[in-house]
């Protein structure tokens, strides 16, 4: 009977999750509305590609930041949906005012578009900290200042990253997104991700990443990851290779992110990253088979031969793992009840990603990227 042999695996994940909950409490980034005059100068840097529908609200939120960051720069990464025209009509070209934009120069061969745009943004930034944000984030008027307070106390960290509150426009998208916090919080001890020097424990979230300017200029993180579609994890691993320190924050109060508007976009986005998250095609195949064995086969076994106390324990632990890890990233805890559907959708996406990587290229936002 498989169920009794799977229980120890779930118990190990439970121990990791409990340790991460305790760590997460110490990493909460609170929204603070009191004004402070001793904040570091922060350059807010945002790559933009095909974000026409989000740009008006994004710029409004950036203009409402109180106090205003020292500079806000957007880089248009060859958009073809009207984003370029909107930026031309509504923002001055950098350098000009506190918030500005510029078009990315032609992308050299081998560069992923976002990495090239971030690299160009960093060359123009003048703040003490370079804060890279994705264009699909939403925020409160004091979000960036609240994060700047934390950066002021992170003198020993060379990479500060944060996990915002995940938002889902539909249940299928939400169940697919649930696989992200589940994978992070039940498999990766956050203490190791921050402090252990081995690059395999490197983790960062590209939606929110901040570097001291001098450190960035010296090591050029986006150049080191210029060909990588999963640039955030690669950058975290490069940071660890150089002996630097990572800090991972709970930024649910500061930022929210939707990421994908449609199921197709979500499937394409996770297909782009699936194998990269696992590390290789053989690792991705092993992960896909392990997910089936641990989370779906016990259910099939119970249906076929009858449920036992072992099956009940496995099922309750699995629900708890998905519910709590999802809650840690802002998703509704009741999603945990539907974890078999998350696994099923995740399996489809992971095998699709495996096919893409065997084929040797991935597709994203109208571009095809060859894989090394």
Protein backbone atom coordinates (compact mmCIF):
# COMPACT_ATOMS: atom_id res chain seq x y z
CA UNK A 1 0.00 0.00 0.00
CA UNK A 2 1.53 3.27 -1.16
CA UNK A 3 -0.20 5.55 1.32
CA UNK A 4 1.82 4.48 4.36
CA UNK A 5 5.13 4.93 2.53
CA UNK A 6 4.17 8.40 1.35
CA UNK A 7 3.31 9.65 4.84
CA UNK A 8 7.00 10.22 5.87
CA UNK A 9 7.51 12.43 2.79
CA UNK A 10 4.55 14.57 3.77
CA UNK A 11 5.78 14.77 7.37
CA UNK A 12 9.18 16.07 6.21
CA UNK A 13 7.41 18.72 4.12
CA UNK A 14 5.32 19.62 7.15
CA UNK A 15 8.44 20.17 9.26
CA UNK A 16 9.92 22.42 6.55
CA UNK A 17 6.66 24.36 6.30
CA UNK A 18 6.46 24.89 10.09
CA UNK A 19 10.05 26.14 10.16
CA UNK A 20 9.28 28.50 7.28
CA UNK A 21 6.20 29.86 9.07
CA UNK A 22 8.38 30.86 12.03
CA UNK A 23 10.95 32.39 9.69
CA UNK A 24 8.24 34.19 7.71
CA UNK A 25 7.00 35.99 10.81
CA UNK A 26 10.44 37.58 11.18
CA UNK A 27 10.46 38.70 7.57
CA UNK A 28 7.14 40.57 7.47
CA UNK A 29 7.38 43.86 5.60
CA UNK A 30 4.79 46.05 7.31
CA UNK A 31 3.05 48.96 5.60
CA UNK A 32 4.18 52.06 7.55
CA UNK A 33 2.49 55.40 6.92
CA UNK A 34 4.58 57.63 9.22
CA UNK A 35 6.95 59.84 7.28
CA UNK A 36 10.70 59.37 7.68
CA UNK A 37 13.45 61.65 6.43
CA UNK A 38 16.35 59.22 6.66
CA UNK A 39 15.33 56.75 3.96
CA UNK A 40 17.93 55.62 1.41
CA UNK A 41 17.63 56.93 -2.13
CA UNK A 42 15.78 54.26 -4.09
CA UNK A 43 15.69 54.01 -7.87
CA UNK A 44 12.49 52.22 -8.90
CA UNK A 45 13.21 50.39 -12.16
CA UNK A 46 10.44 48.72 -14.17
CA UNK A 47 10.84 46.78 -17.44
CA UNK A 48 7.74 47.00 -19.64
CA UNK A 49 6.71 44.74 -22.49
CA UNK A 50 3.13 44.67 -23.75
CA UNK A 51 1.56 46.15 -20.63
CA UNK A 52 -0.72 48.71 -22.32
CA UNK A 53 -3.75 47.84 -20.19
CA UNK A 54 -1.80 48.07 -16.93
CA UNK A 55 0.29 51.17 -17.61
CA UNK A 56 -2.24 53.90 -16.66
CA UNK A 57 -2.93 52.40 -13.23
CA UNK A 58 0.74 51.51 -12.69
CA UNK A 59 1.89 55.06 -13.38
CA UNK A 60 -0.89 56.48 -11.20
CA UNK A 61 0.24 54.31 -8.28
CA UNK A 62 3.86 55.29 -8.82
CA UNK A 63 2.98 58.98 -8.89
CA UNK A 64 1.06 58.57 -5.60
CA UNK A 65 4.03 57.16 -3.66
CA UNK A 66 4.55 59.15 -0.45
CA UNK A 67 7.28 60.13 -0.03
CA UNK A 68 8.24 59.88 -3.67
CA UNK A 69 11.25 57.69 -4.53
CA UNK A 70 14.34 59.52 -5.73
CA UNK A 71 13.61 58.36 -9.29
CA UNK A 72 11.26 56.04 -11.18
CA UNK A 73 12.37 54.78 -14.60
CA UNK A 74 10.45 52.56 -17.01
CA UNK A 75 12.13 50.80 -19.92
CA UNK A 76 10.00 49.74 -22.88
CA UNK A 77 11.23 46.36 -24.08
CA UNK A 78 10.05 46.50 -27.68
CA UNK A 79 6.32 46.44 -26.95
CA UNK A 80 3.95 45.91 -29.87
CA UNK A 81 0.59 46.38 -28.13
CA UNK A 82 0.50 50.18 -27.89
CA UNK A 83 2.58 50.47 -24.70
CA UNK A 84 5.28 52.46 -26.48
CA UNK A 85 2.79 54.97 -27.83
CA UNK A 86 1.16 55.38 -24.41
CA UNK A 87 4.53 56.04 -22.78
CA UNK A 88 5.40 58.57 -25.49
CA UNK A 89 2.18 60.46 -24.84
CA UNK A 90 2.17 60.38 -21.04
CA UNK A 91 5.73 60.32 -19.69
CA UNK A 92 8.89 62.31 -20.43
CA UNK A 93 11.90 60.53 -21.86
CA UNK A 94 14.67 59.80 -19.37
CA UNK A 95 16.49 61.74 -18.02
CA UNK A 96 13.86 64.35 -17.30
CA UNK A 97 11.58 64.39 -14.30
CA UNK A 98 11.35 62.11 -11.26
CA UNK A 99 9.35 59.57 -13.29
CA UNK A 100 10.41 58.93 -16.88
CA UNK A 101 10.88 56.24 -19.51
CA UNK A 102 13.11 55.24 -22.39
CA UNK A 103 13.02 52.61 -25.15
CA UNK A 104 15.47 49.73 -24.79
CA UNK A 105 18.23 49.66 -27.40
CA UNK A 106 18.10 46.74 -29.85
CA UNK A 107 18.52 43.49 -27.94
CA UNK A 108 21.82 41.69 -28.63
CA UNK A 109 21.72 38.01 -29.61
CA UNK A 110 21.52 35.69 -26.64
CA UNK A 111 19.81 38.14 -24.29
CA UNK A 112 16.35 37.53 -22.83
CA UNK A 113 14.28 40.69 -23.27
CA UNK A 114 13.52 41.35 -19.60
CA UNK A 115 17.14 40.85 -18.59
CA UNK A 116 18.29 43.28 -21.29
CA UNK A 117 15.75 45.90 -20.17
CA UNK A 118 16.76 45.53 -16.50
CA UNK A 119 20.43 45.79 -17.46
CA UNK A 120 19.74 49.04 -19.32
CA UNK A 121 17.70 50.42 -16.42
CA UNK A 122 20.53 49.75 -13.99
CA UNK A 123 23.02 51.68 -16.12
CA UNK A 124 20.89 54.82 -15.80
CA UNK A 125 19.92 54.54 -12.12
CA UNK A 126 21.49 56.84 -9.51
CA UNK A 127 19.88 55.68 -6.26
CA UNK A 128 21.62 54.01 -3.33
CA UNK A 129 19.41 50.98 -3.96
CA UNK A 130 18.22 49.66 -7.30
CA UNK A 131 14.68 48.30 -6.86
CA UNK A 132 13.41 46.24 -9.80
CA UNK A 133 9.62 45.81 -9.91
CA UNK A 134 7.43 44.00 -12.43
CA UNK A 135 4.84 46.07 -14.26
CA UNK A 136 1.94 43.87 -13.08
CA UNK A 137 2.37 44.78 -9.40
CA UNK A 138 -0.14 46.93 -7.57
CA UNK A 139 0.80 48.85 -4.43
CA UNK A 140 -0.27 51.26 -1.70
CA UNK A 141 0.88 54.92 -1.53
CA UNK A 142 3.44 54.05 1.18
CA UNK A 143 4.61 50.71 -0.23
CA UNK A 144 7.96 51.79 -1.65
CA UNK A 145 8.81 53.97 1.36
CA UNK A 146 7.97 51.06 3.67
CA UNK A 147 10.29 48.81 1.70
CA UNK A 148 12.96 51.54 1.73
CA UNK A 149 12.86 51.49 5.56
CA UNK A 150 13.75 47.81 5.46
CA UNK A 151 16.50 48.37 2.88
CA UNK A 152 18.02 50.96 5.22
CA UNK A 153 18.64 48.17 7.71
CA UNK A 154 19.94 45.64 5.18
CA UNK A 155 23.54 46.83 4.99
CA UNK A 156 24.79 43.24 4.98
CA UNK A 157 22.45 42.04 2.22
CA UNK A 158 23.41 42.29 -1.45
CA UNK A 159 20.07 41.02 -2.73
CA UNK A 160 16.74 41.76 -1.07
CA UNK A 161 13.76 40.06 -2.67
CA UNK A 162 10.12 39.86 -1.65
CA UNK A 163 7.01 37.77 -2.26
CA UNK A 164 3.87 39.86 -2.82
CA UNK A 165 0.30 38.76 -2.28
CA UNK A 166 -0.69 36.53 -5.20
CA UNK A 167 -3.99 37.43 -6.85
CA UNK A 168 -5.89 35.20 -9.28
CA UNK A 169 -8.45 36.36 -11.85
CA UNK A 170 -10.03 32.90 -12.02
CA UNK A 171 -10.01 29.63 -10.09
CA UNK A 172 -7.95 27.69 -12.69
CA UNK A 173 -5.27 30.40 -12.65
CA UNK A 174 -5.33 30.41 -8.85
CA UNK A 175 -4.91 26.64 -8.63
CA UNK A 176 -1.95 26.80 -11.01
CA UNK A 177 -0.37 29.65 -9.04
CA UNK A 178 -0.84 27.62 -5.86
CA UNK A 179 1.98 25.35 -7.05
CA UNK A 180 4.46 28.21 -6.60
CA UNK A 181 4.16 28.84 -2.83
CA UNK A 182 3.65 25.10 -2.29
CA UNK A 183 6.98 24.38 -4.00
CA UNK A 184 8.82 27.16 -2.18
CA UNK A 185 7.46 26.89 1.35
CA UNK A 186 7.25 23.09 1.67
CA UNK A 187 10.50 22.16 -0.08
CA UNK A 188 12.95 25.04 0.50
CA UNK A 189 13.99 26.01 4.04
CA UNK A 190 14.05 29.82 3.86
CA UNK A 191 16.88 30.00 6.39
CA UNK A 192 19.00 27.98 3.97
CA UNK A 193 17.88 30.16 1.05
CA UNK A 194 19.15 33.22 2.92
CA UNK A 195 22.21 31.95 4.75
CA UNK A 196 23.50 28.71 3.26
CA UNK A 197 26.35 29.46 0.86
CA UNK A 198 25.63 26.68 -1.62
CA UNK A 199 24.12 28.04 -4.87
CA UNK A 200 21.55 25.22 -5.02
CA UNK A 201 19.68 26.98 -2.20
CA UNK A 202 19.53 30.23 -4.17
CA UNK A 203 16.06 31.72 -4.49
CA UNK A 204 14.67 35.11 -5.48
CA UNK A 205 11.43 36.46 -6.87
CA UNK A 206 11.96 38.62 -9.94
CA UNK A 207 8.78 40.60 -9.27
CA UNK A 208 10.58 42.44 -6.44
CA UNK A 209 14.38 42.52 -6.28
CA UNK A 210 16.66 45.19 -4.79
CA UNK A 211 20.44 45.56 -4.91
CA UNK A 212 22.83 48.15 -3.46
CA UNK A 213 23.89 50.17 -6.49
CA UNK A 214 27.62 49.68 -5.97
CA UNK A 215 27.20 45.94 -5.64
CA UNK A 216 25.09 45.80 -8.80
CA UNK A 217 27.57 47.89 -10.78
CA UNK A 218 30.42 45.65 -9.66
CA UNK A 219 28.84 42.25 -10.42
CA UNK A 220 26.20 43.10 -13.09
CA UNK A 221 23.64 40.41 -12.05
CA UNK A 222 21.41 40.70 -15.11
CA UNK A 223 24.44 40.35 -17.38
CA UNK A 224 25.40 37.14 -15.56
CA UNK A 225 21.86 35.83 -16.20
CA UNK A 226 21.39 37.46 -19.60
CA UNK A 227 20.39 34.25 -21.44
CA UNK A 228 18.26 32.77 -18.62
CA UNK A 229 14.45 32.77 -18.80
CA UNK A 230 14.25 32.17 -15.02
CA UNK A 231 16.57 35.05 -14.24
CA UNK A 232 15.63 35.57 -10.60
CA UNK A 233 16.74 32.15 -9.34
CA UNK A 234 19.87 32.30 -11.52
CA UNK A 235 20.74 35.70 -10.08
CA UNK A 236 20.24 34.44 -6.52
CA UNK A 237 22.59 31.55 -7.23
CA UNK A 238 25.19 33.89 -8.71
CA UNK A 239 24.92 36.09 -5.61
CA UNK A 240 25.62 33.07 -3.43
CA UNK A 241 28.56 32.04 -5.62
CA UNK A 242 30.15 35.39 -4.82
CA UNK A 243 29.61 34.90 -1.10
CA UNK A 244 26.93 37.57 -0.83
CA UNK A 245 23.83 37.57 1.38
CA UNK A 246 20.17 37.24 0.36
CA UNK A 247 17.17 38.49 2.32
CA UNK A 248 13.65 37.22 1.48
CA UNK A 249 10.68 39.31 2.67
CA UNK A 250 6.98 38.73 3.19
CA UNK A 251 5.62 41.70 1.22
CA UNK A 252 1.94 40.80 1.19
CA UNK A 253 1.04 44.14 2.80
CA UNK A 254 3.10 46.17 0.33
CA UNK A 255 2.48 44.62 -3.08
CA UNK A 256 -0.08 42.50 -4.90
CA UNK A 257 0.44 40.76 -8.21
CA UNK A 258 -1.93 39.21 -10.71
CA UNK A 259 0.72 38.06 -13.25
CA UNK A 260 -1.63 36.52 -15.80
CA UNK A 261 -5.00 37.67 -17.11
CA UNK A 262 -5.99 34.44 -18.87
CA UNK A 263 -5.49 30.72 -18.40
CA UNK A 264 -3.50 30.61 -21.66
CA UNK A 265 -1.09 33.27 -20.40
CA UNK A 266 -0.69 31.41 -17.11
CA UNK A 267 -0.01 28.10 -18.84
CA UNK A 268 2.52 29.72 -21.21
CA UNK A 269 4.23 31.56 -18.36
CA UNK A 270 4.64 28.50 -16.17
CA UNK A 271 5.62 26.37 -19.18
CA UNK A 272 8.42 28.84 -19.82
CA UNK A 273 9.76 28.38 -16.30
CA UNK A 274 8.82 24.80 -15.40
CA UNK A 275 12.01 22.99 -16.37
CA UNK A 276 14.16 25.96 -15.33
CA UNK A 277 12.71 25.77 -11.81
CA UNK A 278 13.59 22.07 -11.62
CA UNK A 279 17.08 22.65 -13.02
CA UNK A 280 17.07 20.31 -16.03
CA UNK A 281 14.85 18.10 -18.15
CA UNK A 282 15.74 14.90 -16.22
CA UNK A 283 15.05 16.71 -12.92
CA UNK A 284 11.73 17.98 -14.26
CA UNK A 285 10.72 14.45 -15.29
CA UNK A 286 11.65 13.20 -11.83
CA UNK A 287 9.61 15.99 -10.20
CA UNK A 288 6.59 15.27 -12.41
CA UNK A 289 6.69 11.58 -11.49
CA UNK A 290 7.18 12.38 -7.79
CA UNK A 291 4.17 14.70 -7.76
CA UNK A 292 2.05 11.96 -9.31
CA UNK A 293 3.30 9.36 -6.83
CA UNK A 294 2.93 11.46 -3.70
CA UNK A 295 -0.26 13.42 -4.36
CA UNK A 296 -2.41 11.67 -6.96
CA UNK A 297 -1.67 7.94 -6.85
CA UNK A 298 -2.76 7.55 -3.18
CA UNK A 299 -6.15 8.98 -4.13
CA UNK A 300 -6.39 6.57 -7.05
CA UNK A 301 -5.34 3.72 -4.76
CA UNK A 302 -8.02 4.64 -2.23
CA UNK A 303 -10.69 4.78 -4.90
CA UNK A 304 -9.59 1.44 -6.33
CA UNK A 305 -8.99 -0.57 -3.17
CA UNK A 306 -10.73 1.40 -0.44
CA UNK A 307 -9.56 4.23 1.81
CA UNK A 308 -7.67 3.46 5.02
CA UNK A 309 -6.41 5.61 7.88
CA UNK A 310 -3.15 5.99 5.94
CA UNK A 311 -5.00 7.48 3.00
CA UNK A 312 -6.88 9.81 5.33
CA UNK A 313 -3.66 11.01 6.95
CA UNK A 314 -2.04 11.60 3.56
CA UNK A 315 -5.06 13.49 2.31
CA UNK A 316 -5.34 15.74 5.37
CA UNK A 317 -1.62 16.53 5.39
CA UNK A 318 -1.68 17.33 1.67
CA UNK A 319 -4.64 19.67 2.14
CA UNK A 320 -2.81 21.39 5.00
CA UNK A 321 0.43 21.77 3.05
CA UNK A 322 -1.32 23.40 0.11
CA UNK A 323 -3.68 25.53 2.23
CA UNK A 324 -1.00 26.95 4.54
CA UNK A 325 1.66 27.50 1.87
CA UNK A 326 -0.92 29.25 -0.33
CA UNK A 327 -2.02 31.44 2.58
CA UNK A 328 1.63 32.45 3.13
CA UNK A 329 1.54 33.97 -0.37
CA UNK A 330 -1.90 35.56 -0.07
CA UNK A 331 -4.03 32.87 -1.72
CA UNK A 332 -7.28 31.69 -0.07
CA UNK A 333 -6.62 28.75 2.29
CA UNK A 334 -9.64 26.87 0.90
CA UNK A 335 -7.65 26.34 -2.31
CA UNK A 336 -5.97 23.55 -0.35
CA UNK A 337 -9.14 21.45 -0.61
CA UNK A 338 -8.69 21.42 -4.37
CA UNK A 339 -5.02 20.46 -4.37
CA UNK A 340 -5.56 17.41 -6.69
CA UNK A 341 -6.65 19.85 -9.40
CA UNK A 342 -3.54 21.99 -8.75
CA UNK A 343 -1.37 18.91 -9.18
CA UNK A 344 -3.23 17.89 -12.34
CA UNK A 345 -2.84 21.33 -13.92
CA UNK A 346 0.76 21.52 -12.72
CA UNK A 347 1.49 18.14 -14.32
CA UNK A 348 0.16 19.33 -17.66
CA UNK A 349 2.24 22.50 -17.52
CA UNK A 350 5.40 20.70 -16.41
CA UNK A 351 5.21 18.10 -19.17
CA UNK A 352 4.51 20.88 -21.66
CA UNK A 353 7.60 22.67 -20.39
CA UNK A 354 9.62 19.46 -20.77
CA UNK A 355 8.53 19.24 -24.43
CA UNK A 356 9.54 22.88 -24.98
CA UNK A 357 12.97 22.32 -23.47
CA UNK A 358 13.57 19.11 -25.39
CA UNK A 359 12.62 21.06 -28.51
CA UNK A 360 15.25 23.63 -27.53
CA UNK A 361 13.24 26.85 -27.34
CA UNK A 362 10.53 28.58 -25.33
CA UNK A 363 7.97 31.15 -26.43
CA UNK A 364 7.00 34.18 -24.38
CA UNK A 365 5.29 37.50 -25.16
CA UNK A 366 5.73 37.16 -28.89
CA UNK A 367 9.39 36.12 -28.76
CA UNK A 368 11.11 32.77 -29.14
CA UNK A 369 14.18 32.14 -27.01
CA UNK A 370 16.66 29.36 -27.82
CA UNK A 371 17.78 27.38 -24.78
CA UNK A 372 21.34 26.57 -23.82
